[in-house]
Amino acid sequence: MNGGTPQGKRKFSSTRLVQEISSGEYFILKSTPLIDRKAVETLRNEGKYQFESPNLQSSLKYWIENNQYYLLKEYIKGVGLITFYKALKRKEKRKFIPRFLTGVSKLLDELHVQKIVHLDLKPTNIIIEGSVNDFSVKLIDFGMAWDLKTDVFDKRKSSYPFGHAAPELILNEPALFVPQTDYYALGILLYEMMEGEIPFLHSNPIQSLNLQLNMALPALSRKWKAYQTILNKLTAKQAFHRPPNQLPRLEQKRVLEQGIELRYENLKMMRRDLENIYPVPEF
């Protein structure tokens, strides 16, 4: 697996599947040129996270060699969320959504109880292993994650996934990075699965930004209408009465805090609402 974004004339960052010859075990190896400071910072941050749960991808070790920064991570079996979902039949999708929502919300609970927020929740960072009748949900790529125990509020400025990012991420307010920031991304992710598109996108980037900061989630199509209240609660926000850059910093934060308070207090409350729509067997 290769990928990455070019940085001028620099070599690409890469993510590869590698195999240890002696054991036959597979791993994920990420690397980036040392000159790409932003990418190195992301890998260093990701390298902090090791988990007991087999459904949260752990980093194993890092090293520097030939002006490259390397990070070795666990290999997580399964397929990407969207690949899995698109292969399902219509009735299977209706069965999968509530079971997936239960599973991914409990996985986020596992993460949040450790005082860690992911901040990069999107389909490419979710792996599904199994079949529609028996599957597990796994979370990968902690390069943007935030440790609420140790990270300082002015630590860094990073690029977050625009389409799935909560307003507090877009405006880069680390003091407001909380579990509800991940709840917001979960709501956008679910909308994308149900409707086949990310909400708030516009041909004009400035308009997209305005919609993402201020507009409530669009109405779901008829077949998914029962989930509207849950998605609205996950993605709740308080609209700005003026462009945020025209407001004092404290006023910006006040509006963002009001939006966060409108979201679920915890995901157990969301699962109770889900049970009223579609009773889910114990996951």
Protein backbone atom coordinates (compact mmCIF):
# COMPACT_ATOMS: atom_id res chain seq x y z
CA MET A 1 0.00 0.00 0.00
CA ASN A 2 1.52 3.28 -1.10
CA GLY A 3 0.23 6.78 -0.71
CA GLY A 4 1.09 10.30 0.29
CA THR A 5 0.97 13.90 -0.75
CA PRO A 6 3.82 15.54 -2.65
CA GLN A 7 5.58 18.40 -0.89
CA GLY A 8 7.12 20.40 -3.71
CA LYS A 9 10.13 18.40 -4.88
CA ARG A 10 10.29 16.25 -1.77
CA LYS A 11 9.77 12.53 -1.81
CA PHE A 12 6.29 11.32 -0.90
CA SER A 13 5.31 10.11 2.53
CA SER A 14 4.34 6.46 2.34
CA THR A 15 2.33 3.75 4.07
CA ARG A 16 3.26 0.17 3.25
CA LEU A 17 2.32 -3.34 4.25
CA VAL A 18 5.50 -5.17 5.27
CA GLN A 19 6.23 -8.69 6.45
CA GLU A 20 8.81 -9.88 8.97
CA ILE A 21 10.73 -12.71 7.30
CA SER A 22 11.46 -14.72 10.44
CA SER A 23 7.89 -14.81 11.79
CA GLY A 24 5.80 -14.14 8.70
CA GLU A 25 3.90 -11.51 10.69
CA TYR A 26 2.55 -8.43 8.87
CA PHE A 27 2.94 -4.81 9.97
CA ILE A 28 2.20 -1.33 8.66
CA LEU A 29 5.26 0.83 8.02
CA LYS A 30 4.85 4.57 7.64
CA SER A 31 7.69 6.86 6.60
CA THR A 32 8.31 10.46 5.64
CA PRO A 33 11.37 12.61 4.83
CA LEU A 34 12.74 14.45 7.85
CA ILE A 35 12.55 17.68 5.88
CA ASP A 36 8.75 17.42 5.94
CA ARG A 37 8.35 18.70 9.49
CA LYS A 38 4.56 18.60 9.50
CA ALA A 39 4.47 14.95 8.44
CA VAL A 40 7.16 14.05 10.97
CA GLU A 41 5.15 15.78 13.71
CA THR A 42 2.10 13.73 12.74
CA LEU A 43 4.04 10.44 12.88
CA ARG A 44 5.64 11.38 16.20
CA ASN A 45 2.22 12.08 17.62
CA GLU A 46 0.86 8.79 16.29
CA GLY A 47 3.81 6.94 17.77
CA LYS A 48 2.66 7.80 21.30
CA TYR A 49 -0.38 5.59 21.21
CA GLN A 50 -0.40 1.97 22.32
CA PHE A 51 -3.61 0.20 23.28
CA GLU A 52 -4.65 -3.04 24.94
CA SER A 53 -7.73 -3.30 22.72
CA PRO A 54 -7.16 -5.28 19.50
CA ASN A 55 -9.62 -2.93 17.80
CA LEU A 56 -7.51 0.20 18.35
CA GLN A 57 -4.36 0.24 16.21
CA SER A 58 -1.17 0.52 18.28
CA SER A 59 2.18 1.96 17.29
CA LEU A 60 5.13 -0.35 17.97
CA LYS A 61 8.37 1.58 17.41
CA TYR A 62 9.96 4.41 15.44
CA TRP A 63 13.43 5.14 14.11
CA ILE A 64 15.35 7.54 11.87
CA GLU A 65 17.42 6.26 8.97
CA ASN A 66 18.78 7.87 5.79
CA ASN A 67 17.00 11.16 6.51
CA GLN A 68 13.66 9.36 6.82
CA TYR A 69 11.40 9.06 9.85
CA TYR A 70 9.86 5.57 10.20
CA LEU A 71 6.93 4.38 12.30
CA LEU A 72 5.99 0.70 12.63
CA LYS A 73 2.37 -0.08 13.51
CA GLU A 74 0.14 -3.09 14.01
CA TYR A 75 -1.46 -4.53 10.91
CA ILE A 76 -5.24 -4.48 11.30
CA LYS A 77 -7.11 -7.15 9.35
CA GLY A 78 -10.28 -6.26 7.47
CA VAL A 79 -11.49 -3.90 4.77
CA GLY A 80 -12.25 -0.20 4.70
CA LEU A 81 -15.69 0.89 5.91
CA ILE A 82 -16.94 2.25 2.59
CA THR A 83 -15.67 -0.76 0.63
CA PHE A 84 -17.49 -3.07 3.04
CA TYR A 85 -20.67 -0.98 3.05
CA LYS A 86 -20.96 -0.57 -0.71
CA ALA A 87 -20.76 -4.34 -1.19
CA LEU A 88 -23.89 -4.84 0.93
CA LYS A 89 -27.37 -5.27 -0.49
CA ARG A 90 -30.03 -2.71 0.38
CA LYS A 91 -31.60 -4.76 3.19
CA GLU A 92 -28.15 -5.61 4.53
CA LYS A 93 -27.28 -1.91 4.74
CA ARG A 94 -30.34 -1.26 6.88
CA LYS A 95 -29.27 -4.10 9.14
CA PHE A 96 -25.63 -2.99 9.23
CA ILE A 97 -26.11 0.69 10.16
CA PRO A 98 -27.50 0.25 13.71
CA ARG A 99 -25.08 -2.56 14.51
CA PHE A 100 -22.18 -0.51 13.17
CA LEU A 101 -23.27 2.55 15.13
CA THR A 102 -23.42 0.50 18.31
CA GLY A 103 -20.00 -1.02 17.68
CA VAL A 104 -18.17 2.15 16.69
CA SER A 105 -19.70 4.11 19.57
CA LYS A 106 -18.50 1.52 22.10
CA LEU A 107 -15.06 1.62 20.49
CA LEU A 108 -14.99 5.39 20.88
CA ASP A 109 -15.99 4.91 24.52
CA GLU A 110 -12.90 2.68 24.93
CA LEU A 111 -10.76 5.46 23.53
CA HIS A 112 -12.37 8.33 25.38
CA VAL A 113 -12.18 6.64 28.79
CA GLN A 114 -8.40 6.81 28.28
CA LYS A 115 -8.76 10.60 27.84
CA ILE A 116 -7.82 10.40 24.16
CA VAL A 117 -9.83 11.89 21.29
CA HIS A 118 -9.18 10.71 17.73
CA LEU A 119 -9.93 13.96 15.82
CA ASP A 120 -9.65 12.25 12.43
CA LEU A 121 -12.73 10.05 12.36
CA LYS A 122 -13.63 9.34 8.74
CA PRO A 123 -14.38 6.24 6.63
CA THR A 124 -10.76 5.60 5.61
CA ASN A 125 -9.77 5.30 9.27
CA ILE A 126 -12.35 2.63 10.09
CA ILE A 127 -11.82 -1.05 9.30
CA ILE A 128 -14.51 -3.73 9.30
CA GLU A 129 -13.59 -7.38 9.81
CA GLY A 130 -16.16 -10.12 9.30
CA SER A 131 -19.57 -10.36 7.66
CA VAL A 132 -22.73 -8.30 7.98
CA ASN A 133 -24.01 -10.84 10.53
CA ASP A 134 -20.83 -10.98 12.60
CA PHE A 135 -18.27 -8.20 12.34
CA SER A 136 -15.95 -6.09 14.46
CA VAL A 137 -15.19 -2.40 14.07
CA LYS A 138 -11.58 -1.21 14.25
CA LEU A 139 -10.08 2.27 14.41
CA ILE A 140 -6.74 3.20 12.87
CA ASP A 141 -4.50 6.23 12.22
CA PHE A 142 -3.96 8.28 15.38
CA GLY A 143 -1.74 10.91 13.80
CA MET A 144 -4.17 13.72 14.67
CA ALA A 145 -5.21 12.29 18.05
CA TRP A 146 -5.16 14.42 21.18
CA ASP A 147 -4.23 13.22 24.66
CA LEU A 148 -6.37 15.21 27.06
CA LYS A 149 -4.05 14.23 29.95
CA THR A 150 -0.79 15.58 28.54
CA ASP A 151 -1.23 17.65 25.37
CA VAL A 152 -1.10 21.40 25.95
CA PHE A 153 -3.65 23.70 24.39
CA ASP A 154 -1.14 25.67 22.32
CA LYS A 155 0.89 22.62 21.32
CA ARG A 156 0.40 22.63 17.56
CA LYS A 157 -1.56 23.79 14.56
CA SER A 158 -2.64 20.90 12.36
CA SER A 159 -4.77 20.26 9.30
CA TYR A 160 -7.92 18.39 10.15
CA PRO A 161 -10.27 16.48 7.80
CA PHE A 162 -12.34 19.38 6.50
CA GLY A 163 -15.48 17.49 5.52
CA HIS A 164 -15.81 15.64 8.84
CA ALA A 165 -14.33 18.24 11.21
CA ALA A 166 -16.34 19.84 14.00
CA PRO A 167 -16.37 23.66 14.19
CA GLU A 168 -13.90 23.63 17.10
CA LEU A 169 -11.45 21.73 14.90
CA ILE A 170 -11.94 24.01 11.92
CA LEU A 171 -11.23 27.04 14.11
CA ASN A 172 -8.41 25.15 15.86
CA GLU A 173 -9.41 25.59 19.50
CA PRO A 174 -7.47 22.81 21.30
CA ALA A 175 -9.00 23.73 24.64
CA LEU A 176 -12.32 22.56 23.20
CA PHE A 177 -11.13 19.21 21.81
CA VAL A 178 -13.44 16.84 23.68
CA PRO A 179 -15.22 13.51 23.05
CA GLN A 180 -18.09 15.49 21.50
CA THR A 181 -15.63 16.55 18.79
CA ASP A 182 -15.46 12.90 17.72
CA TYR A 183 -19.25 12.60 18.08
CA TYR A 184 -19.63 15.32 15.46
CA ALA A 185 -17.40 13.47 12.99
CA LEU A 186 -19.36 10.27 13.65
CA GLY A 187 -22.57 12.02 12.70
CA ILE A 188 -21.08 13.33 9.45
CA LEU A 189 -19.68 9.88 8.68
CA LEU A 190 -23.13 8.31 9.16
CA TYR A 191 -24.73 10.90 6.91
CA GLU A 192 -22.14 10.13 4.26
CA MET A 193 -22.92 6.41 4.48
CA MET A 194 -26.67 6.94 4.30
CA GLU A 195 -26.78 9.59 1.59
CA GLY A 196 -23.63 8.78 -0.38
CA GLU A 197 -22.13 12.26 0.02
CA ILE A 198 -20.53 14.51 2.61
CA PRO A 199 -22.83 17.36 3.68
CA PHE A 200 -21.90 21.04 3.45
CA LEU A 201 -19.58 20.65 0.45
CA HIS A 202 -19.78 23.50 -2.08
CA SER A 203 -17.83 24.44 -5.19
CA ASN A 204 -16.79 27.61 -3.35
CA PRO A 205 -14.50 26.65 -0.42
CA ILE A 206 -15.49 29.77 1.53
CA GLN A 207 -19.13 28.79 1.23
CA SER A 208 -18.30 25.25 2.36
CA LEU A 209 -16.59 26.66 5.43
CA ASN A 210 -19.58 28.85 6.22
CA LEU A 211 -21.99 25.92 5.86
CA GLN A 212 -19.88 23.65 8.03
CA LEU A 213 -19.61 26.23 10.78
CA ASN A 214 -23.24 27.36 10.79
CA MET A 215 -25.70 25.12 8.98
CA ALA A 216 -27.64 22.30 10.63
CA LEU A 217 -27.32 18.87 9.08
CA PRO A 218 -29.50 18.52 5.94
CA ALA A 219 -32.58 16.34 6.07
CA LEU A 220 -32.04 12.64 5.51
CA SER A 221 -33.86 10.83 2.73
CA ARG A 222 -37.07 9.03 3.61
CA LYS A 223 -35.55 5.59 4.17
CA TRP A 224 -33.18 6.94 6.84
CA LYS A 225 -35.50 9.53 8.36
CA ALA A 226 -35.74 7.67 11.67
CA TYR A 227 -32.09 8.50 12.34
CA GLN A 228 -32.48 12.27 11.85
CA THR A 229 -32.74 13.13 15.55
CA ILE A 230 -29.66 11.08 16.43
CA LEU A 231 -27.56 12.61 13.66
CA ASN A 232 -28.77 16.11 14.53
CA LYS A 233 -27.74 15.57 18.15
CA LEU A 234 -24.32 14.18 17.19
CA THR A 235 -23.58 17.12 14.88
CA ALA A 236 -25.20 19.96 16.82
CA LYS A 237 -23.56 23.38 16.56
CA GLN A 238 -24.33 26.97 17.45
CA ALA A 239 -24.39 29.28 14.45
CA PHE A 240 -22.17 32.38 14.42
CA HIS A 241 -24.06 35.66 14.03
CA ARG A 242 -20.99 37.14 12.32
CA PRO A 243 -17.97 35.58 10.57
CA PRO A 244 -15.76 34.10 13.33
CA ASN A 245 -12.72 36.12 12.20
CA GLN A 246 -14.69 39.27 12.97
CA LEU A 247 -15.36 38.20 16.55
CA PRO A 248 -13.09 38.44 19.60
CA ARG A 249 -11.43 35.12 20.48
CA LEU A 250 -13.47 34.75 23.67
CA GLU A 251 -16.71 35.25 21.74
CA GLN A 252 -15.64 32.61 19.22
CA LYS A 253 -15.00 30.14 22.04
CA ARG A 254 -18.33 30.93 23.70
CA VAL A 255 -20.25 30.12 20.50
CA LEU A 256 -18.25 26.90 20.02
CA GLU A 257 -18.89 25.85 23.62
CA GLN A 258 -22.63 26.40 23.18
CA GLY A 259 -22.56 24.10 20.16
CA ILE A 260 -20.66 21.38 22.00
CA GLU A 261 -23.16 21.51 24.86
CA LEU A 262 -25.97 20.75 22.39
CA ARG A 263 -24.43 17.40 21.45
CA TYR A 264 -24.84 14.15 23.36
CA GLU A 265 -23.33 14.19 26.83
CA ASN A 266 -22.12 10.63 26.21
CA LEU A 267 -22.61 7.87 23.65
CA LYS A 268 -24.57 5.69 26.06
CA MET A 269 -27.36 8.25 25.70
CA MET A 270 -27.11 7.93 21.92
CA ARG A 271 -27.36 4.14 22.13
CA ARG A 272 -30.54 4.48 24.18
CA ASP A 273 -32.03 6.62 21.42
CA LEU A 274 -30.86 4.07 18.86
CA GLU A 275 -32.70 1.29 20.73
CA ASN A 276 -35.93 3.23 20.23
CA ILE A 277 -35.38 3.09 16.47
CA TYR A 278 -33.89 -0.34 15.95
CA PRO A 279 -33.30 -2.74 18.84
CA VAL A 280 -29.73 -3.99 18.42
CA PRO A 281 -28.57 -7.38 19.74
CA GLU A 282 -25.66 -7.24 22.18
CA PHE A 283 -22.61 -6.35 20.08
